[in-house]
Amino acid sequence: MPYKEKPVEKLYYSMGEVTRMFDVNASLIRFWEKEFDILQPRKNKKGNRLFSPEDVENLKIIYHLVKERGYTLQGAREKLRDNKNDVAENVAIIEKLQDIRTFLVEVKKSLQ
């Protein structure tokens, strides 16, 4: 996946951290926040968005459907509504396979 995964270990992530994870503009994240009700970032007293690990996982799913699979926003909303768990499981499997591939490529390089 083209987004840069960061291990989810913090309580909240800033907008800047999230935009770097997915290599997208803040305006796209704000737009998705309006379009997908599963995104519910908190706002601090200054009004800055704070994304929970659950929000980041939901963004991974949205990113996968819209940017990688080519779903329209309406299609992605329907897919999430109908079977979010299946989509989340598929995203997790893809991430694991990519991690395995990266590991195997590193092993191959070290053997050469």
N, C-alpha and C. Protein backbone atom coordinates (compact mmCIF):
# COMPACT_ATOMS: atom_id res chain seq x y z
N MET A 1 0.85 -1.18 0.00
CA MET A 1 0.00 0.00 0.00
C MET A 1 0.89 1.23 0.00
N PRO A 2 0.50 2.24 -0.73
CA PRO A 2 1.36 3.42 -0.82
C PRO A 2 1.43 4.24 0.46
N TYR A 3 0.47 4.10 1.35
CA TYR A 3 0.57 4.93 2.55
C TYR A 3 1.66 4.39 3.45
N LYS A 4 2.23 5.27 4.23
CA LYS A 4 3.33 4.91 5.11
C LYS A 4 2.76 4.54 6.46
N GLU A 5 2.79 3.25 6.74
CA GLU A 5 2.18 2.78 7.97
C GLU A 5 3.08 3.09 9.16
N LYS A 6 2.45 3.54 10.21
CA LYS A 6 3.13 3.80 11.47
C LYS A 6 2.42 2.94 12.50
N PRO A 7 3.16 2.25 13.33
CA PRO A 7 2.47 1.40 14.32
C PRO A 7 1.52 2.24 15.17
N VAL A 8 0.32 1.71 15.35
CA VAL A 8 -0.68 2.43 16.12
C VAL A 8 -0.40 2.17 17.59
N GLU A 9 0.13 3.17 18.29
CA GLU A 9 0.48 2.99 19.69
C GLU A 9 0.16 4.22 20.54
N LYS A 10 -0.19 5.31 19.91
CA LYS A 10 -0.51 6.53 20.66
C LYS A 10 -2.01 6.59 20.93
N LEU A 11 -2.38 7.41 21.89
CA LEU A 11 -3.81 7.61 22.15
C LEU A 11 -4.45 8.44 21.06
N TYR A 12 -3.74 9.46 20.59
CA TYR A 12 -4.26 10.33 19.54
C TYR A 12 -3.15 10.75 18.59
N TYR A 13 -3.51 10.94 17.34
CA TYR A 13 -2.59 11.41 16.32
C TYR A 13 -3.06 12.76 15.80
N SER A 14 -2.11 13.64 15.55
CA SER A 14 -2.45 14.95 15.01
C SER A 14 -2.77 14.82 13.52
N MET A 15 -3.33 15.88 12.96
CA MET A 15 -3.64 15.89 11.53
C MET A 15 -2.35 15.72 10.73
N GLY A 16 -1.28 16.38 11.16
CA GLY A 16 -0.01 16.26 10.44
C GLY A 16 0.50 14.83 10.41
N GLU A 17 0.41 14.15 11.53
CA GLU A 17 0.85 12.75 11.58
C GLU A 17 0.02 11.87 10.65
N VAL A 18 -1.27 12.11 10.64
CA VAL A 18 -2.17 11.30 9.81
C VAL A 18 -1.91 11.58 8.33
N THR A 19 -1.71 12.83 7.97
CA THR A 19 -1.46 13.14 6.55
C THR A 19 -0.14 12.51 6.09
N ARG A 20 0.85 12.46 6.98
CA ARG A 20 2.12 11.81 6.61
C ARG A 20 1.95 10.30 6.49
N MET A 21 1.15 9.70 7.34
CA MET A 21 0.91 8.25 7.28
C MET A 21 0.36 7.84 5.92
N PHE A 22 -0.58 8.65 5.42
CA PHE A 22 -1.28 8.30 4.19
C PHE A 22 -0.78 9.07 2.98
N ASP A 23 0.14 10.00 3.19
CA ASP A 23 0.69 10.83 2.11
C ASP A 23 -0.42 11.51 1.32
N VAL A 24 -1.33 12.15 2.07
CA VAL A 24 -2.43 12.91 1.45
C VAL A 24 -2.50 14.28 2.12
N ASN A 25 -3.25 15.18 1.50
CA ASN A 25 -3.44 16.51 2.06
C ASN A 25 -4.45 16.49 3.20
N ALA A 26 -4.30 17.43 4.11
CA ALA A 26 -5.25 17.56 5.22
C ALA A 26 -6.66 17.80 4.71
N SER A 27 -6.77 18.51 3.58
CA SER A 27 -8.11 18.78 3.04
C SER A 27 -8.83 17.49 2.67
N LEU A 28 -8.10 16.49 2.18
CA LEU A 28 -8.72 15.21 1.85
C LEU A 28 -9.21 14.50 3.10
N ILE A 29 -8.41 14.54 4.16
CA ILE A 29 -8.82 13.92 5.42
C ILE A 29 -10.08 14.61 5.96
N ARG A 30 -10.09 15.95 5.92
CA ARG A 30 -11.27 16.69 6.38
C ARG A 30 -12.49 16.35 5.53
N PHE A 31 -12.28 16.23 4.21
CA PHE A 31 -13.38 15.88 3.31
C PHE A 31 -13.92 14.49 3.65
N TRP A 32 -13.03 13.51 3.84
CA TRP A 32 -13.47 12.16 4.19
C TRP A 32 -14.20 12.17 5.53
N GLU A 33 -13.76 13.03 6.42
CA GLU A 33 -14.43 13.13 7.73
C GLU A 33 -15.90 13.52 7.55
N LYS A 34 -16.17 14.41 6.61
CA LYS A 34 -17.56 14.82 6.34
C LYS A 34 -18.34 13.72 5.62
N GLU A 35 -17.65 12.97 4.76
CA GLU A 35 -18.31 11.97 3.92
C GLU A 35 -18.55 10.63 4.62
N PHE A 36 -17.72 10.29 5.60
CA PHE A 36 -17.81 8.99 6.26
C PHE A 36 -18.05 9.18 7.74
N ASP A 37 -19.21 8.76 8.20
CA ASP A 37 -19.55 8.97 9.61
C ASP A 37 -18.76 8.09 10.57
N ILE A 38 -17.98 7.12 10.05
CA ILE A 38 -17.16 6.30 10.95
C ILE A 38 -15.92 7.07 11.42
N LEU A 39 -15.62 8.18 10.79
CA LEU A 39 -14.50 9.02 11.23
C LEU A 39 -15.03 10.05 12.22
N GLN A 40 -14.55 9.97 13.44
CA GLN A 40 -15.01 10.86 14.50
C GLN A 40 -13.82 11.42 15.29
N PRO A 41 -12.93 12.19 14.64
CA PRO A 41 -11.80 12.71 15.42
C PRO A 41 -12.28 13.70 16.47
N ARG A 42 -11.58 13.71 17.59
CA ARG A 42 -11.86 14.69 18.63
C ARG A 42 -11.22 16.01 18.23
N LYS A 43 -11.64 17.06 18.87
CA LYS A 43 -11.00 18.35 18.65
C LYS A 43 -10.57 18.90 20.00
N ASN A 44 -9.35 19.44 20.03
CA ASN A 44 -8.88 20.03 21.28
C ASN A 44 -9.43 21.44 21.41
N LYS A 45 -9.02 22.16 22.45
CA LYS A 45 -9.56 23.50 22.70
C LYS A 45 -9.26 24.46 21.56
N LYS A 46 -8.17 24.23 20.85
CA LYS A 46 -7.81 25.08 19.70
C LYS A 46 -8.61 24.72 18.45
N GLY A 47 -9.27 23.57 18.48
CA GLY A 47 -10.03 23.12 17.31
C GLY A 47 -9.24 22.18 16.42
N ASN A 48 -8.04 21.79 16.85
CA ASN A 48 -7.24 20.84 16.08
C ASN A 48 -7.81 19.43 16.22
N ARG A 49 -7.82 18.71 15.11
CA ARG A 49 -8.34 17.35 15.12
C ARG A 49 -7.33 16.40 15.75
N LEU A 50 -7.85 15.48 16.55
CA LEU A 50 -7.04 14.44 17.17
C LEU A 50 -7.66 13.10 16.80
N PHE A 51 -6.91 12.29 16.09
CA PHE A 51 -7.42 11.02 15.57
C PHE A 51 -7.03 9.87 16.49
N SER A 52 -8.02 9.10 16.89
CA SER A 52 -7.77 7.92 17.73
C SER A 52 -7.20 6.80 16.86
N PRO A 53 -6.62 5.77 17.48
CA PRO A 53 -6.18 4.61 16.69
C PRO A 53 -7.33 3.99 15.87
N GLU A 54 -8.53 4.03 16.40
CA GLU A 54 -9.69 3.52 15.65
C GLU A 54 -9.94 4.37 14.40
N ASP A 55 -9.80 5.70 14.54
CA ASP A 55 -9.95 6.58 13.37
C ASP A 55 -8.89 6.25 12.32
N VAL A 56 -7.66 5.99 12.76
CA VAL A 56 -6.58 5.67 11.83
C VAL A 56 -6.90 4.36 11.10
N GLU A 57 -7.40 3.37 11.83
CA GLU A 57 -7.78 2.10 11.19
C GLU A 57 -8.90 2.33 10.18
N ASN A 58 -9.87 3.16 10.54
CA ASN A 58 -10.96 3.46 9.60
C ASN A 58 -10.44 4.20 8.38
N LEU A 59 -9.47 5.09 8.57
CA LEU A 59 -8.86 5.78 7.44
C LEU A 59 -8.13 4.81 6.52
N LYS A 60 -7.50 3.79 7.09
CA LYS A 60 -6.84 2.77 6.27
C LYS A 60 -7.85 2.09 5.36
N ILE A 61 -9.01 1.79 5.94
CA ILE A 61 -10.06 1.11 5.17
C ILE A 61 -10.58 2.03 4.06
N ILE A 62 -10.85 3.27 4.40
CA ILE A 62 -11.35 4.23 3.41
C ILE A 62 -10.30 4.43 2.32
N TYR A 63 -9.04 4.61 2.72
CA TYR A 63 -7.96 4.79 1.76
C TYR A 63 -7.90 3.60 0.81
N HIS A 64 -7.97 2.40 1.37
CA HIS A 64 -7.92 1.19 0.55
C HIS A 64 -9.05 1.16 -0.46
N LEU A 65 -10.26 1.43 -0.01
CA LEU A 65 -11.41 1.37 -0.92
C LEU A 65 -11.36 2.45 -2.00
N VAL A 66 -11.06 3.68 -1.59
CA VAL A 66 -11.15 4.81 -2.52
C VAL A 66 -9.90 4.93 -3.39
N LYS A 67 -8.74 4.91 -2.77
CA LYS A 67 -7.50 5.16 -3.51
C LYS A 67 -6.94 3.92 -4.20
N GLU A 68 -7.07 2.77 -3.58
CA GLU A 68 -6.46 1.57 -4.14
C GLU A 68 -7.43 0.73 -4.96
N ARG A 69 -8.65 0.63 -4.51
CA ARG A 69 -9.63 -0.20 -5.22
C ARG A 69 -10.47 0.61 -6.20
N GLY A 70 -10.42 1.94 -6.10
CA GLY A 70 -11.11 2.79 -7.06
C GLY A 70 -12.60 2.96 -6.82
N TYR A 71 -13.05 2.72 -5.61
CA TYR A 71 -14.47 2.90 -5.29
C TYR A 71 -14.82 4.39 -5.34
N THR A 72 -16.05 4.67 -5.71
CA THR A 72 -16.56 6.03 -5.55
C THR A 72 -16.85 6.22 -4.06
N LEU A 73 -17.05 7.45 -3.64
CA LEU A 73 -17.36 7.70 -2.23
C LEU A 73 -18.65 6.99 -1.84
N GLN A 74 -19.64 7.06 -2.70
CA GLN A 74 -20.91 6.38 -2.42
C GLN A 74 -20.70 4.87 -2.34
N GLY A 75 -19.94 4.32 -3.26
CA GLY A 75 -19.66 2.89 -3.25
C GLY A 75 -18.91 2.46 -2.00
N ALA A 76 -17.95 3.28 -1.58
CA ALA A 76 -17.18 2.98 -0.36
C ALA A 76 -18.09 3.04 0.86
N ARG A 77 -18.97 4.04 0.92
CA ARG A 77 -19.91 4.13 2.05
C ARG A 77 -20.80 2.90 2.12
N GLU A 78 -21.30 2.46 0.95
CA GLU A 78 -22.17 1.28 0.92
C GLU A 78 -21.40 0.03 1.33
N LYS A 79 -20.16 -0.10 0.86
CA LYS A 79 -19.35 -1.26 1.22
C LYS A 79 -19.09 -1.29 2.72
N LEU A 80 -18.79 -0.14 3.30
CA LEU A 80 -18.56 -0.06 4.74
C LEU A 80 -19.84 -0.37 5.52
N ARG A 81 -20.95 0.13 5.02
CA ARG A 81 -22.22 -0.11 5.70
C ARG A 81 -22.59 -1.59 5.65
N ASP A 82 -22.37 -2.22 4.49
CA ASP A 82 -22.80 -3.61 4.30
C ASP A 82 -21.89 -4.62 4.98
N ASN A 83 -20.58 -4.41 4.91
CA ASN A 83 -19.68 -5.41 5.50
C ASN A 83 -18.32 -4.80 5.84
N LYS A 84 -18.30 -3.90 6.80
CA LYS A 84 -17.08 -3.24 7.23
C LYS A 84 -16.06 -4.25 7.76
N ASN A 85 -16.52 -5.24 8.49
CA ASN A 85 -15.60 -6.22 9.07
C ASN A 85 -14.83 -6.99 8.01
N ASP A 86 -15.51 -7.37 6.92
CA ASP A 86 -14.84 -8.09 5.84
C ASP A 86 -13.78 -7.21 5.18
N VAL A 87 -14.12 -5.94 4.95
CA VAL A 87 -13.17 -5.02 4.34
C VAL A 87 -11.98 -4.81 5.26
N ALA A 88 -12.23 -4.62 6.55
CA ALA A 88 -11.15 -4.42 7.51
C ALA A 88 -10.24 -5.65 7.56
N GLU A 89 -10.83 -6.82 7.51
CA GLU A 89 -10.05 -8.06 7.51
C GLU A 89 -9.18 -8.16 6.26
N ASN A 90 -9.74 -7.80 5.11
CA ASN A 90 -8.97 -7.82 3.86
C ASN A 90 -7.81 -6.84 3.92
N VAL A 91 -8.03 -5.66 4.47
CA VAL A 91 -6.95 -4.67 4.60
C VAL A 91 -5.86 -5.22 5.51
N ALA A 92 -6.24 -5.85 6.60
CA ALA A 92 -5.25 -6.42 7.52
C ALA A 92 -4.44 -7.53 6.85
N ILE A 93 -5.10 -8.36 6.06
CA ILE A 93 -4.40 -9.44 5.35
C ILE A 93 -3.42 -8.86 4.34
N ILE A 94 -3.84 -7.84 3.61
CA ILE A 94 -2.95 -7.20 2.63
C ILE A 94 -1.74 -6.61 3.32
N GLU A 95 -1.93 -5.96 4.47
CA GLU A 95 -0.81 -5.39 5.22
C GLU A 95 0.17 -6.47 5.65
N LYS A 96 -0.35 -7.58 6.16
CA LYS A 96 0.52 -8.67 6.60
C LYS A 96 1.30 -9.26 5.42
N LEU A 97 0.63 -9.45 4.29
CA LEU A 97 1.32 -9.97 3.11
C LEU A 97 2.41 -9.02 2.64
N GLN A 98 2.16 -7.73 2.69
CA GLN A 98 3.17 -6.77 2.29
C GLN A 98 4.36 -6.78 3.25
N ASP A 99 4.08 -6.96 4.55
CA ASP A 99 5.17 -7.08 5.53
C ASP A 99 6.01 -8.32 5.24
N ILE A 100 5.36 -9.42 4.91
CA ILE A 100 6.08 -10.66 4.60
C ILE A 100 6.93 -10.46 3.35
N ARG A 101 6.36 -9.82 2.35
CA ARG A 101 7.11 -9.57 1.11
C ARG A 101 8.34 -8.71 1.39
N THR A 102 8.17 -7.66 2.16
CA THR A 102 9.30 -6.80 2.51
C THR A 102 10.38 -7.60 3.23
N PHE A 103 9.98 -8.43 4.17
CA PHE A 103 10.92 -9.27 4.89
C PHE A 103 11.67 -10.20 3.95
N LEU A 104 10.94 -10.84 3.04
CA LEU A 104 11.56 -11.77 2.11
C LEU A 104 12.53 -11.08 1.16
N VAL A 105 12.18 -9.88 0.72
CA VAL A 105 13.08 -9.10 -0.15
C VAL A 105 14.36 -8.76 0.61
N GLU A 106 14.23 -8.41 1.88
CA GLU A 106 15.42 -8.10 2.70
C GLU A 106 16.28 -9.35 2.89
N VAL A 107 15.66 -10.51 3.10
CA VAL A 107 16.40 -11.75 3.25
C VAL A 107 17.14 -12.06 1.95
N LYS A 108 16.46 -11.90 0.83
CA LYS A 108 17.08 -12.15 -0.47
C LYS A 108 18.29 -11.27 -0.68
N LYS A 109 18.17 -9.99 -0.35
CA LYS A 109 19.30 -9.06 -0.48
C LYS A 109 20.47 -9.46 0.40
N SER A 110 20.17 -9.92 1.60
CA SER A 110 21.25 -10.28 2.52
C SER A 110 21.95 -11.57 2.07
N LEU A 111 21.28 -12.41 1.31
CA LEU A 111 21.88 -13.65 0.83
C LEU A 111 22.73 -13.46 -0.42
N GLN A 112 22.58 -12.34 -1.07
CA GLN A 112 23.32 -12.10 -2.33
C GLN A 112 24.70 -11.56 -2.07
